[in-house]
Amino acid sequence: MVAGEPSGDMHGASLTQAILELAPEAEVGGLGGPLMAAAGCHIMRDMMDMAVMGLGRGAAKIFKARRILGETLKYFDKEPPDALVLIDFPGFNLALARAMRKRPTATVYYISPQIWAWAGWRIRKIKKRIQKMICILPFEKEIYEAAGVPVEYVGHPLGDFMAGLKLDDNFAKGLGLGPGDIPIGLLPGSRKQEIFRHLPLMLKAARIIHGREPRSKFFVPCGTREHLNWMKEMAGGFDLPVEILSGKTFEVMKEARVCLVKSGTATLQCAYFLTPMVILYRVNPIAKVLSPLVVRSPYIGLPNLIAAEKIVPEFLLGTDRAQDVAGAALELILDDEARNKAVEGLKKVREKIALPGASQRAAKIILEMAEKGH
């Protein structure tokens, strides 16, 4: 298995667990992160620092990626796997798939790149380089079938992962929230560059929200301890009741009245808890101007895409527009009708993503392909 970012590590963990439940004799190894390792995948290299944003940052790691690619292929020459499972992370994984075409390994793509949003030309590469696409969003299957790519839809594995979560039952009490307090989650993303791009904007919006609603208190979960101190320094520049928490991401999602959340998997996790949200993603101004030319989907937020309508506010931002983000959040906090409408929409999304067994269905497909070979 190859996963290069936290969401891929999460899905890879659920898949590893499902494979080992179905075939305890299977040997699962790969490139990934701590969740996959905890699930029983032998991690040969931690890849959680490889996800990058922006051309400059990508170029800075290109040599490292090439080195890892070369090391992986040398390992496969000595120990060819029966199946290779590529989990999202298209820059690296499509290059690896290209090199695997002449090797006796079944190459499966699990968690499709977002070709329906941008870079649709990648589907031609996918068609040439893999034997099977396992997709998790219902509309993806039609796209791949139309392009002649062997594809199966298994449902979203988020439900499997979330059902196994063990949350801190004393979390809300530990925050010291009073009966009238309004907890608000700020979820800027897990990567360092995402945090620098989104957290200042979220804090600006939080300051506006707090000025209008003084009962609001803000909580920022931090996924890694190395980010904790400078996130605290960043938040310290704002006169706000804001607390940076080590971990506790899902507890914040569950307890928050509303979340400001970066577009991505976290939006579906909030949907699972039926927590209304304002989805945002910030790009540089030039990219924002060009976005109509390269962005193919009508929405940037997965809940809105799955619902095929805007059930929660979303913003693709070239400038900070903190006032607009704050206004959308305040409507979800203060307007019961708007809030109830959002919750009803999220219930429909949760029905589609929380069906159990997606990881098991994917695992069966992968095991069958591993037995058959290339």
Protein backbone atom coordinates (compact mmCIF):
# COMPACT_ATOMS: atom_id res chain seq x y z
CA MET A 1 0.00 0.00 0.00
CA VAL A 2 1.13 3.54 -0.69
CA ALA A 3 -0.46 6.54 1.06
CA GLY A 4 1.14 9.97 1.28
CA GLU A 5 -1.12 12.08 3.46
CA PRO A 6 -3.15 11.76 6.69
CA SER A 7 -6.47 11.00 4.99
CA GLY A 8 -4.82 8.27 2.94
CA ASP A 9 -3.22 6.89 6.10
CA MET A 10 -6.67 6.75 7.70
CA HIS A 11 -8.25 4.91 4.76
CA GLY A 12 -5.20 2.66 4.43
CA ALA A 13 -5.56 1.69 8.08
CA SER A 14 -9.20 0.64 7.64
CA LEU A 15 -8.26 -1.31 4.51
CA THR A 16 -5.32 -3.03 6.22
CA GLN A 17 -7.56 -4.11 9.07
CA ALA A 18 -10.17 -5.46 6.66
CA ILE A 19 -7.59 -7.41 4.61
CA LEU A 20 -6.11 -9.02 7.71
CA GLU A 21 -9.56 -9.94 9.01
CA LEU A 22 -10.42 -11.64 5.71
CA ALA A 23 -6.97 -13.17 5.18
CA PRO A 24 -4.99 -13.40 8.44
CA GLU A 25 -2.13 -15.03 6.55
CA ALA A 26 -1.70 -11.98 4.28
CA GLU A 27 1.42 -9.86 4.59
CA VAL A 28 0.68 -6.16 4.28
CA GLY A 29 3.46 -3.60 3.97
CA GLY A 30 4.10 -0.30 2.28
CA LEU A 31 4.62 3.42 2.49
CA GLY A 32 2.25 5.26 4.80
CA GLY A 33 1.82 6.57 8.31
CA PRO A 34 1.14 5.70 11.95
CA LEU A 35 -2.50 4.66 11.53
CA MET A 36 -1.60 2.09 8.90
CA ALA A 37 1.20 0.83 11.12
CA ALA A 38 -1.15 0.47 14.09
CA ALA A 39 -3.58 -1.50 11.91
CA GLY A 40 -0.90 -4.06 11.02
CA CYS A 41 0.76 -2.67 7.90
CA HIS A 42 4.56 -2.93 8.00
CA ILE A 43 5.60 0.64 7.17
CA MET A 44 8.86 0.67 5.25
CA ARG A 45 8.92 4.46 5.06
CA ASP A 46 6.80 7.13 6.74
CA MET A 47 5.30 9.30 4.01
CA MET A 48 3.34 11.79 6.07
CA ASP A 49 5.78 14.61 5.31
CA MET A 50 5.55 14.12 1.56
CA ALA A 51 2.22 15.84 0.90
CA VAL A 52 2.97 19.28 -0.49
CA MET A 53 1.09 22.30 -1.75
CA GLY A 54 2.30 24.73 -4.35
CA LEU A 55 4.87 24.48 -7.12
CA GLY A 56 7.84 25.71 -5.06
CA ARG A 57 7.18 23.36 -2.19
CA GLY A 58 6.62 20.47 -4.60
CA ALA A 59 9.91 21.14 -6.38
CA ALA A 60 11.72 21.15 -3.03
CA LYS A 61 10.70 17.52 -2.45
CA ILE A 62 10.92 16.16 -5.96
CA PHE A 63 14.38 14.67 -5.43
CA LYS A 64 13.27 12.97 -2.24
CA ALA A 65 10.23 11.55 -4.03
CA ARG A 66 12.42 10.21 -6.84
CA ARG A 67 14.74 8.59 -4.34
CA ILE A 68 11.85 6.92 -2.52
CA LEU A 69 10.40 5.79 -5.86
CA GLY A 70 13.73 4.24 -6.85
CA GLU A 71 14.11 2.51 -3.48
CA THR A 72 10.57 1.13 -3.73
CA LEU A 73 11.12 -0.28 -7.20
CA LYS A 74 14.39 -1.93 -6.15
CA TYR A 75 12.55 -3.55 -3.27
CA PHE A 76 9.82 -4.78 -5.64
CA ASP A 77 12.46 -6.29 -7.91
CA LYS A 78 13.62 -8.42 -4.97
CA GLU A 79 10.24 -8.97 -3.31
CA PRO A 80 7.47 -8.44 -5.89
CA PRO A 81 4.09 -8.04 -4.15
CA ASP A 82 0.99 -9.87 -5.38
CA ALA A 83 -0.92 -6.59 -5.37
CA LEU A 84 -0.01 -2.93 -5.15
CA VAL A 85 -2.67 -0.64 -3.68
CA LEU A 86 -2.28 3.06 -4.48
CA ILE A 87 -4.25 5.35 -2.16
CA ASP A 88 -4.94 8.82 -3.64
CA PHE A 89 -1.59 10.82 -3.63
CA PRO A 90 -1.60 10.98 -7.46
CA GLY A 91 1.72 12.74 -8.13
CA PHE A 92 3.76 9.92 -6.61
CA ASN A 93 1.36 7.05 -7.14
CA LEU A 94 0.82 7.57 -10.86
CA ALA A 95 4.60 7.64 -11.36
CA LEU A 96 4.88 4.40 -9.41
CA ALA A 97 2.03 2.87 -11.44
CA ARG A 98 3.83 3.76 -14.66
CA ALA A 99 6.96 1.93 -13.52
CA MET A 100 4.90 -1.11 -12.49
CA ARG A 101 3.30 -1.74 -15.88
CA LYS A 102 5.86 -4.37 -16.89
CA ARG A 103 6.05 -5.99 -13.47
CA PRO A 104 4.02 -9.07 -12.43
CA THR A 105 1.95 -7.22 -9.86
CA ALA A 106 -1.75 -6.34 -9.90
CA THR A 107 -1.95 -2.56 -9.50
CA VAL A 108 -5.13 -1.27 -7.88
CA TYR A 109 -6.04 2.37 -7.27
CA TYR A 110 -8.12 2.96 -4.14
CA ILE A 111 -9.46 6.46 -3.36
CA SER A 112 -9.48 8.13 -6.76
CA PRO A 113 -7.63 11.37 -7.46
CA GLN A 114 -10.15 14.19 -7.77
CA ILE A 115 -10.24 14.09 -11.56
CA TRP A 116 -13.84 15.28 -11.41
CA ALA A 117 -12.64 18.54 -9.84
CA TRP A 118 -9.45 19.27 -11.77
CA ALA A 119 -6.68 17.62 -13.82
CA GLY A 120 -9.20 15.47 -15.65
CA TRP A 121 -6.51 14.49 -18.14
CA ARG A 122 -5.09 12.16 -15.50
CA ILE A 123 -7.78 9.63 -16.34
CA ARG A 124 -5.84 8.70 -19.50
CA LYS A 125 -2.79 7.87 -17.39
CA ILE A 126 -4.91 5.90 -14.95
CA LYS A 127 -6.41 3.85 -17.77
CA LYS A 128 -2.95 2.86 -19.06
CA ARG A 129 -1.34 2.15 -15.70
CA ILE A 130 -3.76 0.29 -13.44
CA GLN A 131 -5.84 -2.86 -13.57
CA LYS A 132 -8.67 -1.67 -11.33
CA MET A 133 -10.05 1.56 -9.86
CA ILE A 134 -11.91 1.18 -6.58
CA CYS A 135 -13.91 4.35 -6.05
CA ILE A 136 -15.66 5.59 -2.92
CA LEU A 137 -17.97 8.31 -4.28
CA PRO A 138 -21.03 7.24 -6.30
CA PHE A 139 -20.57 9.69 -9.19
CA GLU A 140 -16.96 8.57 -9.76
CA LYS A 141 -18.01 5.19 -11.16
CA GLU A 142 -19.82 6.74 -14.12
CA ILE A 143 -16.77 8.85 -14.98
CA TYR A 144 -14.43 5.85 -15.08
CA GLU A 145 -16.89 3.61 -16.91
CA ALA A 146 -17.29 6.26 -19.61
CA ALA A 147 -13.49 6.34 -20.02
CA GLY A 148 -13.20 2.56 -20.23
CA VAL A 149 -11.40 2.10 -16.91
CA PRO A 150 -12.23 -1.11 -14.97
CA VAL A 151 -13.96 0.25 -11.88
CA GLU A 152 -15.95 -0.87 -8.86
CA TYR A 153 -17.78 1.32 -6.36
CA VAL A 154 -17.58 0.15 -2.74
CA GLY A 155 -18.94 3.12 -0.80
CA HIS A 156 -17.06 5.49 1.46
CA PRO A 157 -14.78 3.93 4.11
CA LEU A 158 -15.25 6.85 6.47
CA GLY A 159 -18.15 5.09 8.15
CA ASP A 160 -15.95 2.10 9.00
CA PHE A 161 -13.27 4.33 10.47
CA MET A 162 -15.62 6.59 12.40
CA ALA A 163 -17.62 3.68 13.82
CA GLY A 164 -14.44 2.40 15.46
CA LEU A 165 -13.53 5.72 17.09
CA LYS A 166 -13.26 5.94 20.85
CA LEU A 167 -13.96 9.51 21.86
CA ASP A 168 -13.14 11.22 25.14
CA ASP A 169 -16.47 11.33 26.98
CA ASN A 170 -15.17 13.98 29.38
CA PHE A 171 -13.92 16.28 26.64
CA ALA A 172 -16.64 18.94 26.89
CA LYS A 173 -16.39 19.02 30.69
CA GLY A 174 -12.62 19.41 30.47
CA LEU A 175 -12.96 22.48 28.26
CA GLY A 176 -14.83 24.28 31.03
CA LEU A 177 -17.73 25.24 28.80
CA GLY A 178 -20.63 26.95 30.52
CA PRO A 179 -24.32 26.42 29.64
CA GLY A 180 -24.43 29.50 27.40
CA ASP A 181 -21.05 29.10 25.71
CA ILE A 182 -20.90 28.46 21.97
CA PRO A 183 -17.98 26.20 20.97
CA ILE A 184 -16.66 26.73 17.45
CA GLY A 185 -14.08 24.52 15.78
CA LEU A 186 -11.35 25.86 13.51
CA LEU A 187 -9.95 23.12 11.28
CA PRO A 188 -7.30 24.59 8.94
CA GLY A 189 -5.83 21.29 7.71
CA SER A 190 -3.14 18.91 8.91
CA ARG A 191 -0.19 19.99 6.78
CA LYS A 192 2.06 22.84 7.85
CA GLN A 193 1.46 24.85 4.68
CA GLU A 194 -2.31 24.36 4.97
CA ILE A 195 -2.23 25.70 8.51
CA PHE A 196 -0.24 28.79 7.49
CA ARG A 197 -2.63 29.36 4.62
CA HIS A 198 -5.92 28.90 6.45
CA LEU A 199 -5.53 29.44 10.20
CA PRO A 200 -4.87 33.23 10.08
CA LEU A 201 -7.96 33.66 7.92
CA MET A 202 -10.01 31.54 10.31
CA LEU A 203 -8.77 33.53 13.28
CA LYS A 204 -9.74 36.79 11.55
CA ALA A 205 -13.21 35.39 10.96
CA ALA A 206 -13.30 34.18 14.57
CA ARG A 207 -12.56 37.70 15.80
CA ILE A 208 -15.54 39.01 13.82
CA ILE A 209 -17.77 36.20 15.11
CA HIS A 210 -16.73 36.89 18.71
CA GLY A 211 -17.44 40.60 18.29
CA ARG A 212 -20.99 39.75 17.26
CA GLU A 213 -21.46 36.80 19.63
CA PRO A 214 -19.31 37.17 22.80
CA ARG A 215 -20.39 33.73 24.08
CA SER A 216 -18.37 32.06 21.32
CA LYS A 217 -15.21 30.13 22.22
CA PHE A 218 -12.82 28.70 19.66
CA PHE A 219 -10.96 25.40 19.57
CA VAL A 220 -8.22 24.36 17.17
CA PRO A 221 -7.18 20.69 17.19
CA CYS A 222 -3.53 20.11 16.33
CA GLY A 223 -2.64 16.77 14.80
CA THR A 224 1.09 16.81 15.56
CA ARG A 225 2.95 18.07 18.61
CA GLU A 226 5.61 19.72 16.45
CA HIS A 227 2.98 22.17 15.15
CA LEU A 228 1.53 22.96 18.56
CA ASN A 229 3.86 25.76 19.71
CA TRP A 230 3.82 27.85 16.56
CA MET A 231 0.05 27.40 16.23
CA LYS A 232 -0.23 28.81 19.75
CA GLU A 233 2.00 31.73 18.76
CA MET A 234 -0.16 32.37 15.71
CA ALA A 235 -3.35 32.37 17.79
CA GLY A 236 -1.69 34.57 20.42
CA GLY A 237 -1.74 37.47 17.96
CA PHE A 238 -5.53 37.62 18.25
CA ASP A 239 -7.42 38.80 21.31
CA LEU A 240 -9.69 35.77 21.39
CA PRO A 241 -10.81 32.96 23.70
CA VAL A 242 -9.06 30.35 21.58
CA GLU A 243 -7.45 27.11 22.70
CA ILE A 244 -5.03 24.99 20.68
CA LEU A 245 -5.54 21.33 21.52
CA SER A 246 -3.18 18.43 21.01
CA GLY A 247 -5.28 15.91 19.09
CA LYS A 248 -9.02 15.84 19.93
CA THR A 249 -10.01 16.59 16.33
CA PHE A 250 -13.10 14.41 16.39
CA GLU A 251 -14.16 15.62 19.83
CA VAL A 252 -14.04 19.20 18.54
CA MET A 253 -16.09 18.25 15.49
CA LYS A 254 -18.70 16.55 17.66
CA GLU A 255 -19.04 19.29 20.29
CA ALA A 256 -18.81 22.37 18.06
CA ARG A 257 -21.94 24.27 17.16
CA VAL A 258 -20.26 25.10 13.87
CA CYS A 259 -16.84 24.48 12.31
CA LEU A 260 -14.76 26.50 9.90
CA VAL A 261 -13.06 23.73 7.95
CA LYS A 262 -10.62 23.47 5.06
CA SER A 263 -12.03 21.61 2.09
CA GLY A 264 -11.12 17.92 2.23
CA THR A 265 -11.85 14.75 4.19
CA ALA A 266 -12.48 16.75 7.37
CA THR A 267 -15.69 18.09 5.83
CA LEU A 268 -17.10 14.55 5.64
CA GLN A 269 -15.98 13.87 9.20
CA CYS A 270 -17.95 16.93 10.32
CA ALA A 271 -20.89 15.69 8.26
CA TYR A 272 -20.71 12.37 10.10
CA PHE A 273 -21.32 14.26 13.37
CA LEU A 274 -24.03 16.41 11.68
CA THR A 275 -22.05 19.51 12.60
CA PRO A 276 -22.86 22.50 10.36
CA MET A 277 -19.76 23.98 8.76
CA VAL A 278 -18.35 26.68 6.55
CA ILE A 279 -16.01 25.10 4.01
CA LEU A 280 -13.14 27.13 2.63
CA TYR A 281 -10.01 26.74 0.59
CA ARG A 282 -7.55 29.54 -0.04
CA VAL A 283 -5.49 29.84 -3.21
CA ASN A 284 -3.30 32.63 -4.51
CA PRO A 285 -5.16 35.41 -6.37
CA ILE A 286 -3.93 34.31 -9.80
CA ALA A 287 -5.12 30.75 -9.21
CA LYS A 288 -8.50 32.12 -8.11
CA VAL A 289 -8.85 34.08 -11.36
CA LEU A 290 -7.90 30.99 -13.39
CA SER A 291 -10.03 28.57 -11.36
CA PRO A 292 -13.03 28.63 -13.76
CA LEU A 293 -10.70 27.33 -16.48
CA VAL A 294 -9.28 24.38 -14.50
CA VAL A 295 -11.87 23.52 -11.82
CA ARG A 296 -14.50 21.22 -13.29
CA SER A 297 -16.83 20.57 -10.34
CA PRO A 298 -19.57 22.98 -9.24
CA TYR A 299 -18.51 22.76 -5.56
CA ILE A 300 -15.27 22.48 -3.59
CA GLY A 301 -16.83 20.82 -0.54
CA LEU A 302 -17.41 17.06 -0.54
CA PRO A 303 -20.74 17.29 1.36
CA ASN A 304 -22.08 19.64 -1.32
CA LEU A 305 -20.71 17.43 -4.11
CA ILE A 306 -22.30 14.29 -2.65
CA ALA A 307 -25.60 16.10 -2.05
CA ALA A 308 -25.41 17.67 -5.55
CA GLU A 309 -26.47 20.98 -3.99
CA LYS A 310 -25.04 23.58 -1.64
CA ILE A 311 -26.18 22.37 1.76
CA VAL A 312 -23.43 24.26 3.66
CA PRO A 313 -21.63 27.50 2.72
CA GLU A 314 -18.32 27.22 0.90
CA PHE A 315 -15.67 29.67 -0.29
CA LEU A 316 -12.84 29.31 -2.79
CA LEU A 317 -10.79 32.30 -1.73
CA GLY A 318 -8.20 34.40 -3.54
CA THR A 319 -8.30 37.02 -0.77
CA ASP A 320 -9.11 36.44 2.89
CA ARG A 321 -12.81 37.58 2.82
CA ALA A 322 -12.94 36.99 6.57
CA GLN A 323 -16.11 39.10 6.83
CA ASP A 324 -17.98 36.80 4.41
CA VAL A 325 -16.76 33.64 6.13
CA ALA A 326 -17.77 35.04 9.53
CA GLY A 327 -21.18 36.06 8.20
CA ALA A 328 -21.86 32.56 6.90
CA ALA A 329 -20.82 31.04 10.23
CA LEU A 330 -22.95 33.47 12.23
CA GLU A 331 -26.00 32.54 10.18
CA LEU A 332 -25.48 28.87 11.09
CA ILE A 333 -24.98 29.83 14.75
CA LEU A 334 -27.84 32.29 15.19
CA ASP A 335 -30.46 31.42 12.55
CA ASP A 336 -32.28 28.25 13.60
CA GLU A 337 -33.91 27.82 10.21
CA ALA A 338 -30.57 27.98 8.35
CA ARG A 339 -28.97 25.66 10.88
CA ASN A 340 -31.78 23.09 10.71
CA LYS A 341 -31.70 23.13 6.91
CA ALA A 342 -27.96 22.44 6.97
CA VAL A 343 -28.37 19.59 9.47
CA GLU A 344 -31.10 17.97 7.35
CA GLY A 345 -28.81 18.13 4.32
CA LEU A 346 -25.95 16.62 6.29
CA LYS A 347 -28.19 13.75 7.41
CA LYS A 348 -28.66 12.76 3.77
CA VAL A 349 -24.90 12.94 3.17
CA ARG A 350 -24.21 10.84 6.26
CA GLU A 351 -26.59 8.17 5.01
CA LYS A 352 -24.41 7.82 1.92
CA ILE A 353 -21.01 7.85 3.62
CA ALA A 354 -21.73 5.96 6.84
CA LEU A 355 -22.84 2.66 5.32
CA PRO A 356 -20.69 -0.05 6.91
CA GLY A 357 -18.52 -2.48 5.02
CA ALA A 358 -16.79 -0.29 2.39
CA SER A 359 -13.32 -1.33 3.56
CA GLN A 360 -14.33 -5.00 3.56
CA ARG A 361 -15.71 -4.75 0.03
CA ALA A 362 -12.50 -3.09 -1.16
CA ALA A 363 -10.40 -5.71 0.64
CA LYS A 364 -12.25 -8.56 -1.12
CA ILE A 365 -11.55 -7.03 -4.53
CA ILE A 366 -7.88 -6.55 -3.71
CA LEU A 367 -7.44 -10.08 -2.35
CA GLU A 368 -9.09 -11.54 -5.45
CA MET A 369 -6.74 -9.57 -7.70
CA ALA A 370 -3.74 -10.57 -5.60
CA GLU A 371 -4.65 -14.24 -6.06
CA LYS A 372 -5.10 -13.87 -9.83
CA GLY A 373 -1.96 -11.75 -10.29
CA HIS A 374 -1.36 -9.21 -13.06
